[in-house]
Amino acid sequence: MCSAEPINCFPMLVNILSNTFLRLFNSTARIRVWSEPFYSIKSSEVESDVFFLCLSYMLILAAGLSPHFAMSSREDYKVKS
């Protein structure tokens, strides 16, 4: 009926309890509960924008790592370690 994760199971439990109480009071109405815990991106344009943003960030990060290691080894050479 639902997965074992609490974030998915709680709305289903509320739905079952609500409908049970409605039936106890002889009501014909039903309560429907749904859960969408994570925002889903429907637009491929937004997905490509996020991808290129992450890619550019990673490229800038990768460009900054090599000078860091080069300066580290230069300092070691200066100290003669």
Protein backbone atom coordinates (compact mmCIF):
# COMPACT_ATOMS: atom_id res chain seq x y z
CA MET A 1 0.00 0.00 0.00
CA CYS A 2 2.92 2.32 0.69
CA SER A 3 6.66 2.12 1.06
CA ALA A 4 8.28 1.75 4.46
CA GLU A 5 9.69 5.29 4.43
CA PRO A 6 7.78 7.61 6.79
CA ILE A 7 7.68 10.49 4.31
CA ASN A 8 5.70 8.33 1.89
CA CYS A 9 3.66 6.32 4.37
CA PHE A 10 2.23 9.14 6.51
CA PRO A 11 -0.13 10.60 3.87
CA MET A 12 -1.45 7.11 3.12
CA LEU A 13 -2.05 6.50 6.83
CA VAL A 14 -3.94 9.81 7.10
CA ASN A 15 -6.02 8.83 4.09
CA ILE A 16 -6.94 5.43 5.55
CA LEU A 17 -7.82 6.87 8.96
CA SER A 18 -9.85 9.75 7.52
CA ASN A 19 -11.88 7.49 5.27
CA THR A 20 -12.43 5.03 8.14
CA PHE A 21 -13.81 7.80 10.36
CA LEU A 22 -16.05 9.01 7.55
CA ARG A 23 -17.46 5.51 7.08
CA LEU A 24 -18.05 5.20 10.83
CA PHE A 25 -20.22 8.31 10.69
CA ASN A 26 -22.15 6.93 7.67
CA SER A 27 -20.78 9.46 5.22
CA THR A 28 -20.47 8.80 1.50
CA ALA A 29 -17.70 11.35 1.01
CA ARG A 30 -14.07 10.37 0.56
CA ILE A 31 -10.86 12.16 1.42
CA ARG A 32 -7.95 11.81 -0.96
CA VAL A 33 -4.39 12.52 0.17
CA TRP A 34 -1.31 12.71 -2.01
CA SER A 35 2.30 13.47 -1.38
CA GLU A 36 4.99 14.94 -3.58
CA PRO A 37 7.89 15.37 -1.14
CA PHE A 38 10.43 16.49 -3.73
CA TYR A 39 9.91 19.23 -6.26
CA SER A 40 10.06 17.65 -9.68
CA ILE A 41 11.36 19.63 -12.59
CA LYS A 42 9.15 19.16 -15.64
CA SER A 43 10.92 21.55 -18.00
CA SER A 44 13.93 20.28 -19.92
CA GLU A 45 15.08 23.90 -20.29
CA VAL A 46 15.45 24.22 -16.52
CA GLU A 47 17.26 20.87 -16.37
CA SER A 48 19.78 21.99 -18.99
CA ASP A 49 20.30 25.32 -17.17
CA VAL A 50 21.02 23.50 -13.92
CA PHE A 51 23.36 21.10 -15.72
CA PHE A 52 25.39 23.91 -17.32
CA LEU A 53 25.52 25.81 -14.05
CA CYS A 54 26.93 22.77 -12.24
CA LEU A 55 29.32 22.05 -15.12
CA SER A 56 30.69 25.60 -15.11
CA TYR A 57 31.11 25.49 -11.34
CA MET A 58 33.04 22.22 -11.57
CA LEU A 59 35.28 23.58 -14.33
CA ILE A 60 36.12 26.68 -12.28
CA LEU A 61 36.82 24.48 -9.27
CA ALA A 62 39.05 22.15 -11.31
CA ALA A 63 40.95 25.13 -12.73
CA GLY A 64 41.72 26.36 -9.23
CA LEU A 65 43.00 23.06 -7.86
CA SER A 66 46.19 22.67 -9.90
CA PRO A 67 47.71 26.05 -8.86
CA HIS A 68 46.95 25.14 -5.26
CA PHE A 69 49.02 21.96 -5.51
CA ALA A 70 51.77 23.75 -7.44
CA MET A 71 52.11 26.43 -4.77
CA SER A 72 52.13 23.78 -2.09
CA SER A 73 55.07 21.96 -3.66
CA ARG A 74 56.87 25.30 -4.24
CA GLU A 75 56.61 26.08 -0.54
CA ASP A 76 58.01 22.63 0.26
CA TYR A 77 60.95 23.35 -2.08
CA LYS A 78 61.60 26.70 -0.37
CA VAL A 79 61.68 25.14 3.06
CA LYS A 80 63.75 22.24 1.67
CA SER A 81 61.52 19.62 3.17
